[in-house]
Amino acid sequence: MISPRDTEVYYQQLLRYLGESINANVELVQRKTYAEVNTLLIAGEIDLAFICSGPYVTGTEQHPLHLLSTPQVQGQHTYKSYLIVHKDSALKQLNDLQGKTFAFTDPDSNTGSLVPRYWLQQKGLTPEHFFKETLFTYSHDNSIFAVAKGLVDGAAVDSLIWDFYQHNNSELTAKTRIIHKSEAYGIPPVVAASSMPQERREAIQHALLAMHTSAQGKQILQNLLIDRFVLPQDHWYSSIRTMQQTLQQAE
């Protein structure tokens, strides 16, 4: 959900730790869109993925995906969508963005696309008629960059990503301002393809759930601002399913 370069930097240590824990080589596979990752999962061409909550919901409708774990951040297994504008902007609420330029992340993103479209749908509006222009950045850090640099007037981004950069590299987030926060949704999970053998799935799940109990694992998690991994529940994503169904019915 962040750009490929930063994904490489921040997640390679975690994947290396996971590989050592299960005695296997772990290869990082990156794709531009969430849909491409889901396609690879469903085809069994990748075994494991960190995916957005929205693609988890749509993916399970097409093919079984096994929930392995979710990050717990600041004691919570939920996250939000942040509606952001430039810090010097006079915009104060969603309605103020009418006729402005707006950045979505990925078409299948929950916080970066589904949530803002749902906000508009509840007002009887669509992005095509509400905004002057929209674009897709394909990562949350790119959306933060676009707002900070004045390339767009507003964007909807993952709270976890915005908070992460605010903590680690606030140069860009300091130039943005949050004007609205959504309700809480289930944090993006770690899932396994249905083609992965059960024994391997269980080994990976155990390694992730126990990661915070080792000094090395705990340090890696702290670098990612993750408390620990916890067992997820499918019902955590029910509200996302409801939003998707509402938007589909309105089309």
C-alpha atoms as a PDB file:
ATOM      1  CA  MET A   1       0.000   0.000   0.000  1.00  0.00           C
ATOM      2  CA  ILE A   2       3.098   2.180  -0.091  1.00  0.00           C
ATOM      3  CA  SER A   3       5.433   2.752  -3.029  1.00  0.00           C
ATOM      4  CA  PRO A   4       7.710  -0.140  -4.081  1.00  0.00           C
ATOM      5  CA  ARG A   5      10.908   1.489  -2.839  1.00  0.00           C
ATOM      6  CA  ASP A   6       9.570   2.061   0.677  1.00  0.00           C
ATOM      7  CA  THR A   7       7.953  -1.378   0.763  1.00  0.00           C
ATOM      8  CA  GLU A   8      11.375  -2.848   0.031  1.00  0.00           C
ATOM      9  CA  VAL A   9      13.028  -0.803   2.764  1.00  0.00           C
ATOM     10  CA  TYR A  10      10.504  -1.389   5.523  1.00  0.00           C
ATOM     11  CA  TYR A  11       9.330  -4.943   4.878  1.00  0.00           C
ATOM     12  CA  GLN A  12      12.453  -6.787   3.758  1.00  0.00           C
ATOM     13  CA  GLN A  13      13.587  -7.294   7.355  1.00  0.00           C
ATOM     14  CA  LEU A  14      10.201  -8.745   8.282  1.00  0.00           C
ATOM     15  CA  LEU A  15      10.252 -11.141   5.334  1.00  0.00           C
ATOM     16  CA  ARG A  16      13.808 -12.208   6.099  1.00  0.00           C
ATOM     17  CA  TYR A  17      12.788 -12.915   9.689  1.00  0.00           C
ATOM     18  CA  LEU A  18       9.787 -14.908   8.475  1.00  0.00           C
ATOM     19  CA  GLY A  19      11.955 -16.956   6.123  1.00  0.00           C
ATOM     20  CA  GLU A  20      14.383 -17.809   8.907  1.00  0.00           C
ATOM     21  CA  SER A  21      11.499 -18.749  11.209  1.00  0.00           C
ATOM     22  CA  ILE A  22       9.987 -21.260   8.768  1.00  0.00           C
ATOM     23  CA  ASN A  23      13.319 -22.323   7.219  1.00  0.00           C
ATOM     24  CA  ALA A  24      12.413 -21.192   3.714  1.00  0.00           C
ATOM     25  CA  ASN A  25      13.468 -18.612   1.155  1.00  0.00           C
ATOM     26  CA  VAL A  26      10.951 -15.757   0.951  1.00  0.00           C
ATOM     27  CA  GLU A  27      10.849 -13.711  -2.242  1.00  0.00           C
ATOM     28  CA  LEU A  28       9.238 -10.265  -2.285  1.00  0.00           C
ATOM     29  CA  VAL A  29       6.854  -9.789  -5.216  1.00  0.00           C
ATOM     30  CA  GLN A  30       5.518  -6.313  -5.990  1.00  0.00           C
ATOM     31  CA  ARG A  31       2.809  -5.174  -8.400  1.00  0.00           C
ATOM     32  CA  LYS A  32       1.388  -1.756  -9.220  1.00  0.00           C
ATOM     33  CA  THR A  33      -2.262  -2.465  -8.435  1.00  0.00           C
ATOM     34  CA  TYR A  34      -4.144  -4.318  -5.719  1.00  0.00           C
ATOM     35  CA  ALA A  35      -6.072  -6.227  -8.399  1.00  0.00           C
ATOM     36  CA  GLU A  36      -2.842  -7.672  -9.801  1.00  0.00           C
ATOM     37  CA  VAL A  37      -1.883  -9.020  -6.380  1.00  0.00           C
ATOM     38  CA  ASN A  38      -5.323 -10.596  -5.916  1.00  0.00           C
ATOM     39  CA  THR A  39      -5.040 -12.213  -9.348  1.00  0.00           C
ATOM     40  CA  LEU A  40      -1.695 -13.757  -8.431  1.00  0.00           C
ATOM     41  CA  LEU A  41      -3.100 -15.018  -5.119  1.00  0.00           C
ATOM     42  CA  ILE A  42      -6.146 -16.600  -6.707  1.00  0.00           C
ATOM     43  CA  ALA A  43      -3.996 -18.231  -9.408  1.00  0.00           C
ATOM     44  CA  GLY A  44      -1.641 -19.613  -6.754  1.00  0.00           C
ATOM     45  CA  GLU A  45       1.324 -17.776  -8.294  1.00  0.00           C
ATOM     46  CA  ILE A  46       2.117 -16.174  -4.940  1.00  0.00           C
ATOM     47  CA  ASP A  47       1.620 -17.857  -1.589  1.00  0.00           C
ATOM     48  CA  LEU A  48       1.297 -15.040   0.884  1.00  0.00           C
ATOM     49  CA  ALA A  49       0.333 -11.375   0.745  1.00  0.00           C
ATOM     50  CA  PHE A  50      -0.153  -8.238   2.772  1.00  0.00           C
ATOM     51  CA  ILE A  51      -3.338  -6.945   1.182  1.00  0.00           C
ATOM     52  CA  CYS A  52      -5.735  -4.064   1.725  1.00  0.00           C
ATOM     53  CA  SER A  53      -9.014  -4.737   3.501  1.00  0.00           C
ATOM     54  CA  GLY A  54     -11.033  -3.898   0.378  1.00  0.00           C
ATOM     55  CA  PRO A  55      -9.247  -6.435  -1.842  1.00  0.00           C
ATOM     56  CA  TYR A  56      -9.565  -9.007   0.948  1.00  0.00           C
ATOM     57  CA  VAL A  57     -13.342  -8.644   0.812  1.00  0.00           C
ATOM     58  CA  THR A  58     -13.521  -8.761  -2.988  1.00  0.00           C
ATOM     59  CA  GLY A  59     -10.924 -11.533  -3.169  1.00  0.00           C
ATOM     60  CA  THR A  60     -12.852 -13.845  -0.857  1.00  0.00           C
ATOM     61  CA  GLU A  61     -15.940 -13.373  -3.026  1.00  0.00           C
ATOM     62  CA  GLN A  62     -14.011 -14.778  -5.985  1.00  0.00           C
ATOM     63  CA  HIS A  63     -11.909 -17.440  -4.297  1.00  0.00           C
ATOM     64  CA  PRO A  64     -11.101 -18.612  -0.748  1.00  0.00           C
ATOM     65  CA  LEU A  65      -8.277 -16.683   0.930  1.00  0.00           C
ATOM     66  CA  HIS A  66      -7.012 -17.794   4.327  1.00  0.00           C
ATOM     67  CA  LEU A  67      -6.737 -15.115   7.012  1.00  0.00           C
ATOM     68  CA  LEU A  68      -3.453 -15.631   8.856  1.00  0.00           C
ATOM     69  CA  SER A  69      -2.924 -12.509  10.941  1.00  0.00           C
ATOM     70  CA  THR A  70      -3.402  -8.773  11.181  1.00  0.00           C
ATOM     71  CA  PRO A  71      -1.163  -6.126  12.705  1.00  0.00           C
ATOM     72  CA  GLN A  72      -2.170  -4.628  16.019  1.00  0.00           C
ATOM     73  CA  VAL A  73      -1.240  -0.947  16.126  1.00  0.00           C
ATOM     74  CA  GLN A  74      -1.476   1.141  19.288  1.00  0.00           C
ATOM     75  CA  GLY A  75      -3.556  -1.617  20.853  1.00  0.00           C
ATOM     76  CA  GLN A  76      -6.104  -1.648  18.010  1.00  0.00           C
ATOM     77  CA  HIS A  77      -6.834  -4.010  15.128  1.00  0.00           C
ATOM     78  CA  THR A  78      -8.635  -1.246  13.240  1.00  0.00           C
ATOM     79  CA  TYR A  79      -7.659   1.694  11.064  1.00  0.00           C
ATOM     80  CA  LYS A  80      -9.354   4.666   9.384  1.00  0.00           C
ATOM     81  CA  SER A  81      -9.449   6.736   6.237  1.00  0.00           C
ATOM     82  CA  TYR A  82      -8.034  10.241   6.617  1.00  0.00           C
ATOM     83  CA  LEU A  83      -9.322  12.990   4.341  1.00  0.00           C
ATOM     84  CA  ILE A  84      -6.340  15.314   3.911  1.00  0.00           C
ATOM     85  CA  VAL A  85      -5.673  18.715   2.330  1.00  0.00           C
ATOM     86  CA  HIS A  86      -2.645  20.987   2.239  1.00  0.00           C
ATOM     87  CA  LYS A  87      -1.897  22.571   5.613  1.00  0.00           C
ATOM     88  CA  ASP A  88      -2.284  26.074   4.157  1.00  0.00           C
ATOM     89  CA  SER A  89      -5.569  25.269   2.433  1.00  0.00           C
ATOM     90  CA  ALA A  90      -8.801  26.943   3.528  1.00  0.00           C
ATOM     91  CA  LEU A  91     -10.710  23.702   2.952  1.00  0.00           C
ATOM     92  CA  LYS A  92     -12.319  22.381   6.131  1.00  0.00           C
ATOM     93  CA  GLN A  93     -14.717  19.594   5.124  1.00  0.00           C
ATOM     94  CA  LEU A  94     -15.594  17.246   2.290  1.00  0.00           C
ATOM     95  CA  ASN A  95     -18.148  19.657   0.820  1.00  0.00           C
ATOM     96  CA  ASP A  96     -15.397  22.239   0.366  1.00  0.00           C
ATOM     97  CA  LEU A  97     -13.686  19.921  -2.131  1.00  0.00           C
ATOM     98  CA  GLN A  98     -16.479  20.304  -4.674  1.00  0.00           C
ATOM     99  CA  GLY A  99     -14.988  21.436  -7.969  1.00  0.00           C
ATOM    100  CA  LYS A 100     -11.456  20.661  -6.726  1.00  0.00           C
ATOM    101  CA  THR A 101      -8.850  18.080  -7.735  1.00  0.00           C
ATOM    102  CA  PHE A 102      -8.702  14.844  -5.751  1.00  0.00           C
ATOM    103  CA  ALA A 103      -6.340  11.864  -5.508  1.00  0.00           C
ATOM    104  CA  PHE A 104      -7.544   8.313  -4.976  1.00  0.00           C
ATOM    105  CA  THR A 105      -4.920   5.652  -4.242  1.00  0.00           C
ATOM    106  CA  ASP A 106      -5.870   2.364  -5.933  1.00  0.00           C
ATOM    107  CA  PRO A 107      -9.311   1.703  -7.474  1.00  0.00           C
ATOM    108  CA  ASP A 108      -9.754  -1.238  -5.062  1.00  0.00           C
ATOM    109  CA  SER A 109      -8.404   0.503  -1.953  1.00  0.00           C
ATOM    110  CA  ASN A 110     -10.735   0.678   1.032  1.00  0.00           C
ATOM    111  CA  THR A 111      -9.519   3.880   2.695  1.00  0.00           C
ATOM    112  CA  GLY A 112      -8.139   5.437  -0.484  1.00  0.00           C
ATOM    113  CA  SER A 113     -11.090   4.882  -2.810  1.00  0.00           C
ATOM    114  CA  LEU A 114     -14.081   2.955  -1.435  1.00  0.00           C
ATOM    115  CA  VAL A 115     -14.579   5.139   1.664  1.00  0.00           C
ATOM    116  CA  PRO A 116     -14.505   8.553  -0.089  1.00  0.00           C
ATOM    117  CA  ARG A 117     -16.786   7.262  -2.852  1.00  0.00           C
ATOM    118  CA  TYR A 118     -19.147   5.967  -0.160  1.00  0.00           C
ATOM    119  CA  TRP A 119     -19.120   9.370   1.577  1.00  0.00           C
ATOM    120  CA  LEU A 120     -20.197  10.989  -1.681  1.00  0.00           C
ATOM    121  CA  GLN A 121     -22.806   8.308  -2.406  1.00  0.00           C
ATOM    122  CA  GLN A 122     -24.440   9.029   0.945  1.00  0.00           C
ATOM    123  CA  LYS A 123     -24.879  12.619  -0.266  1.00  0.00           C
ATOM    124  CA  GLY A 124     -26.303  11.426  -3.598  1.00  0.00           C
ATOM    125  CA  LEU A 125     -23.099  12.408  -5.411  1.00  0.00           C
ATOM    126  CA  THR A 126     -20.418  10.740  -7.540  1.00  0.00           C
ATOM    127  CA  PRO A 127     -16.727  11.621  -7.904  1.00  0.00           C
ATOM    128  CA  GLU A 128     -17.255  12.349 -11.611  1.00  0.00           C
ATOM    129  CA  HIS A 129     -19.782  15.100 -10.869  1.00  0.00           C
ATOM    130  CA  PHE A 130     -18.384  16.341  -7.561  1.00  0.00           C
ATOM    131  CA  PHE A 131     -14.685  16.831  -8.272  1.00  0.00           C
ATOM    132  CA  LYS A 132     -13.163  18.888 -11.050  1.00  0.00           C
ATOM    133  CA  GLU A 133     -10.596  16.182 -11.708  1.00  0.00           C
ATOM    134  CA  THR A 134      -9.497  12.907 -10.095  1.00  0.00           C
ATOM    135  CA  LEU A 135      -6.446  10.706 -10.462  1.00  0.00           C
ATOM    136  CA  PHE A 136      -5.014   7.478  -9.027  1.00  0.00           C
ATOM    137  CA  THR A 137      -1.614   7.532  -7.327  1.00  0.00           C
ATOM    138  CA  TYR A 138      -1.452   3.754  -6.619  1.00  0.00           C
ATOM    139  CA  SER A 139       0.032   4.180  -3.135  1.00  0.00           C
ATOM    140  CA  HIS A 140      -0.836   6.108  -0.004  1.00  0.00           C
ATOM    141  CA  ASP A 141       2.551   7.765   0.309  1.00  0.00           C
ATOM    142  CA  ASN A 142       2.177   9.030  -3.270  1.00  0.00           C
ATOM    143  CA  SER A 143      -1.193  10.549  -2.329  1.00  0.00           C
ATOM    144  CA  ILE A 144       0.340  12.262   0.702  1.00  0.00           C
ATOM    145  CA  PHE A 145       3.104  13.577  -1.590  1.00  0.00           C
ATOM    146  CA  ALA A 146       0.555  14.871  -4.110  1.00  0.00           C
ATOM    147  CA  VAL A 147      -1.299  16.863  -1.443  1.00  0.00           C
ATOM    148  CA  ALA A 148       1.876  18.113   0.252  1.00  0.00           C
ATOM    149  CA  LYS A 149       3.277  19.363  -3.060  1.00  0.00           C
ATOM    150  CA  GLY A 150       0.002  20.986  -4.112  1.00  0.00           C
ATOM    151  CA  LEU A 151      -0.494  18.665  -7.077  1.00  0.00           C
ATOM    152  CA  VAL A 152      -4.063  17.979  -5.890  1.00  0.00           C
ATOM    153  CA  ASP A 153      -6.379  19.735  -3.469  1.00  0.00           C
ATOM    154  CA  GLY A 154      -7.269  16.662  -1.429  1.00  0.00           C
ATOM    155  CA  ALA A 155      -6.877  12.918  -0.989  1.00  0.00           C
ATOM    156  CA  ALA A 156      -8.110  10.034   1.147  1.00  0.00           C
ATOM    157  CA  VAL A 157      -5.342   7.971   2.715  1.00  0.00           C
ATOM    158  CA  ASP A 158      -4.809   5.061   5.076  1.00  0.00           C
ATOM    159  CA  SER A 159      -4.444   6.297   8.663  1.00  0.00           C
ATOM    160  CA  LEU A 160      -1.732   3.713   9.327  1.00  0.00           C
ATOM    161  CA  ILE A 161       0.394   5.026   6.472  1.00  0.00           C
ATOM    162  CA  TRP A 162      -0.131   8.700   7.337  1.00  0.00           C
ATOM    163  CA  ASP A 163       0.678   8.038  11.010  1.00  0.00           C
ATOM    164  CA  PHE A 164       3.738   5.987  10.038  1.00  0.00           C
ATOM    165  CA  TYR A 165       5.217   8.785   7.946  1.00  0.00           C
ATOM    166  CA  GLN A 166       4.244  11.369  10.540  1.00  0.00           C
ATOM    167  CA  HIS A 167       6.325   9.393  13.037  1.00  0.00           C
ATOM    168  CA  ASN A 168       9.275   8.484  10.812  1.00  0.00           C
ATOM    169  CA  ASN A 169       9.464  11.153   8.120  1.00  0.00           C
ATOM    170  CA  SER A 170       7.138  14.060   8.794  1.00  0.00           C
ATOM    171  CA  GLU A 171       8.522  16.289   6.037  1.00  0.00           C
ATOM    172  CA  LEU A 172       5.501  15.555   3.842  1.00  0.00           C
ATOM    173  CA  THR A 173       2.786  14.906   6.411  1.00  0.00           C
ATOM    174  CA  ALA A 174       3.671  18.202   8.101  1.00  0.00           C
ATOM    175  CA  LYS A 175       2.502  19.915   4.926  1.00  0.00           C
ATOM    176  CA  THR A 176      -0.902  18.235   5.091  1.00  0.00           C
ATOM    177  CA  ARG A 177      -3.884  18.585   7.403  1.00  0.00           C
ATOM    178  CA  ILE A 178      -6.523  16.004   8.314  1.00  0.00           C
ATOM    179  CA  ILE A 179     -10.032  17.434   7.923  1.00  0.00           C
ATOM    180  CA  HIS A 180     -12.054  14.267   8.451  1.00  0.00           C
ATOM    181  CA  LYS A 181     -11.595  10.752   9.824  1.00  0.00           C
ATOM    182  CA  SER A 182     -13.774   7.791   8.920  1.00  0.00           C
ATOM    183  CA  GLU A 183     -15.173   5.150  11.210  1.00  0.00           C
ATOM    184  CA  ALA A 184     -12.843   2.287  12.122  1.00  0.00           C
ATOM    185  CA  TYR A 185     -12.374  -0.727   9.832  1.00  0.00           C
ATOM    186  CA  GLY A 186     -10.525  -4.028  10.200  1.00  0.00           C
ATOM    187  CA  ILE A 187      -6.805  -3.545   9.540  1.00  0.00           C
ATOM    188  CA  PRO A 188      -5.454  -4.949   6.247  1.00  0.00           C
ATOM    189  CA  PRO A 189      -4.625  -8.629   6.852  1.00  0.00           C
ATOM    190  CA  VAL A 190      -1.917 -11.085   5.933  1.00  0.00           C
ATOM    191  CA  VAL A 191      -3.523 -13.803   3.822  1.00  0.00           C
ATOM    192  CA  ALA A 192      -2.448 -17.090   2.263  1.00  0.00           C
ATOM    193  CA  ALA A 193      -3.542 -18.498  -1.068  1.00  0.00           C
ATOM    194  CA  SER A 194      -5.842 -21.518  -0.924  1.00  0.00           C
ATOM    195  CA  SER A 195      -3.163 -23.487  -2.776  1.00  0.00           C
ATOM    196  CA  MET A 196      -0.743 -23.234   0.158  1.00  0.00           C
ATOM    197  CA  PRO A 197      -0.567 -26.487   2.174  1.00  0.00           C
ATOM    198  CA  GLN A 198      -2.159 -26.260   5.615  1.00  0.00           C
ATOM    199  CA  GLU A 199       1.063 -27.213   7.396  1.00  0.00           C
ATOM    200  CA  ARG A 200       2.934 -24.305   5.766  1.00  0.00           C
ATOM    201  CA  ARG A 201       0.077 -21.889   6.501  1.00  0.00           C
ATOM    202  CA  GLU A 202       0.111 -22.846  10.158  1.00  0.00           C
ATOM    203  CA  ALA A 203       3.899 -22.470  10.372  1.00  0.00           C
ATOM    204  CA  ILE A 204       3.745 -18.956   8.900  1.00  0.00           C
ATOM    205  CA  GLN A 205       0.846 -17.992  11.119  1.00  0.00           C
ATOM    206  CA  HIS A 206       2.667 -19.194  14.226  1.00  0.00           C
ATOM    207  CA  ALA A 207       5.821 -17.299  13.245  1.00  0.00           C
ATOM    208  CA  LEU A 208       3.877 -14.048  12.785  1.00  0.00           C
ATOM    209  CA  LEU A 209       1.821 -14.401  15.962  1.00  0.00           C
ATOM    210  CA  ALA A 210       4.943 -15.138  18.020  1.00  0.00           C
ATOM    211  CA  MET A 211       7.115 -12.482  16.413  1.00  0.00           C
ATOM    212  CA  HIS A 212       6.763  -9.973  19.256  1.00  0.00           C
ATOM    213  CA  THR A 213       8.105 -12.514  21.767  1.00  0.00           C
ATOM    214  CA  SER A 214      11.666 -12.462  20.361  1.00  0.00           C
ATOM    215  CA  ALA A 215      14.035  -9.509  20.679  1.00  0.00           C
ATOM    216  CA  GLN A 216      14.768  -9.458  16.956  1.00  0.00           C
ATOM    217  CA  GLY A 217      11.131  -9.786  15.952  1.00  0.00           C
ATOM    218  CA  LYS A 218      10.029  -7.138  18.429  1.00  0.00           C
ATOM    219  CA  GLN A 219      12.567  -4.649  17.048  1.00  0.00           C
ATOM    220  CA  ILE A 220      11.417  -5.221  13.475  1.00  0.00           C
ATOM    221  CA  LEU A 221       7.804  -4.697  14.530  1.00  0.00           C
ATOM    222  CA  GLN A 222       8.709  -1.526  16.400  1.00  0.00           C
ATOM    223  CA  ASN A 223      10.370  -0.180  13.244  1.00  0.00           C
ATOM    224  CA  LEU A 224       7.041  -0.701  11.466  1.00  0.00           C
ATOM    225  CA  LEU A 225       5.048   0.795  14.392  1.00  0.00           C
ATOM    226  CA  ILE A 226       3.333  -2.568  14.881  1.00  0.00           C
ATOM    227  CA  ASP A 227       2.674  -3.861  18.418  1.00  0.00           C
ATOM    228  CA  ARG A 228       2.261  -7.474  17.373  1.00  0.00           C
ATOM    229  CA  PHE A 229       0.336  -9.684  14.971  1.00  0.00           C
ATOM    230  CA  VAL A 230      -3.030 -11.023  16.158  1.00  0.00           C
ATOM    231  CA  LEU A 231      -5.571 -13.566  14.926  1.00  0.00           C
ATOM    232  CA  PRO A 232      -8.065 -11.835  12.629  1.00  0.00           C
ATOM    233  CA  GLN A 233     -11.807 -12.388  12.397  1.00  0.00           C
ATOM    234  CA  ASP A 234     -13.701 -12.192   9.122  1.00  0.00           C
ATOM    235  CA  HIS A 235     -16.519 -10.161  10.684  1.00  0.00           C
ATOM    236  CA  TRP A 236     -14.068  -7.296  11.255  1.00  0.00           C
ATOM    237  CA  TYR A 237     -14.551  -6.567   7.544  1.00  0.00           C
ATOM    238  CA  SER A 238     -18.367  -6.655   7.472  1.00  0.00           C
ATOM    239  CA  SER A 239     -18.776  -2.873   7.231  1.00  0.00           C
ATOM    240  CA  ILE A 240     -16.525  -2.841   4.153  1.00  0.00           C
ATOM    241  CA  ARG A 241     -18.751  -5.455   2.506  1.00  0.00           C
ATOM    242  CA  THR A 242     -21.762  -3.261   3.269  1.00  0.00           C
ATOM    243  CA  MET A 243     -20.145  -0.217   1.650  1.00  0.00           C
ATOM    244  CA  GLN A 244     -19.204  -2.228  -1.436  1.00  0.00           C
ATOM    245  CA  GLN A 245     -22.742  -3.585  -1.781  1.00  0.00           C
ATOM    246  CA  THR A 246     -24.251  -0.117  -1.334  1.00  0.00           C
ATOM    247  CA  LEU A 247     -22.087   1.341  -4.082  1.00  0.00           C
ATOM    248  CA  GLN A 248     -22.765  -1.587  -6.422  1.00  0.00           C
ATOM    249  CA  GLN A 249     -26.520  -1.185  -5.942  1.00  0.00           C
ATOM    250  CA  ALA A 250     -26.258   2.535  -6.704  1.00  0.00           C
ATOM    251  CA  GLU A 251     -24.511   1.938 -10.053  1.00  0.00           C
END
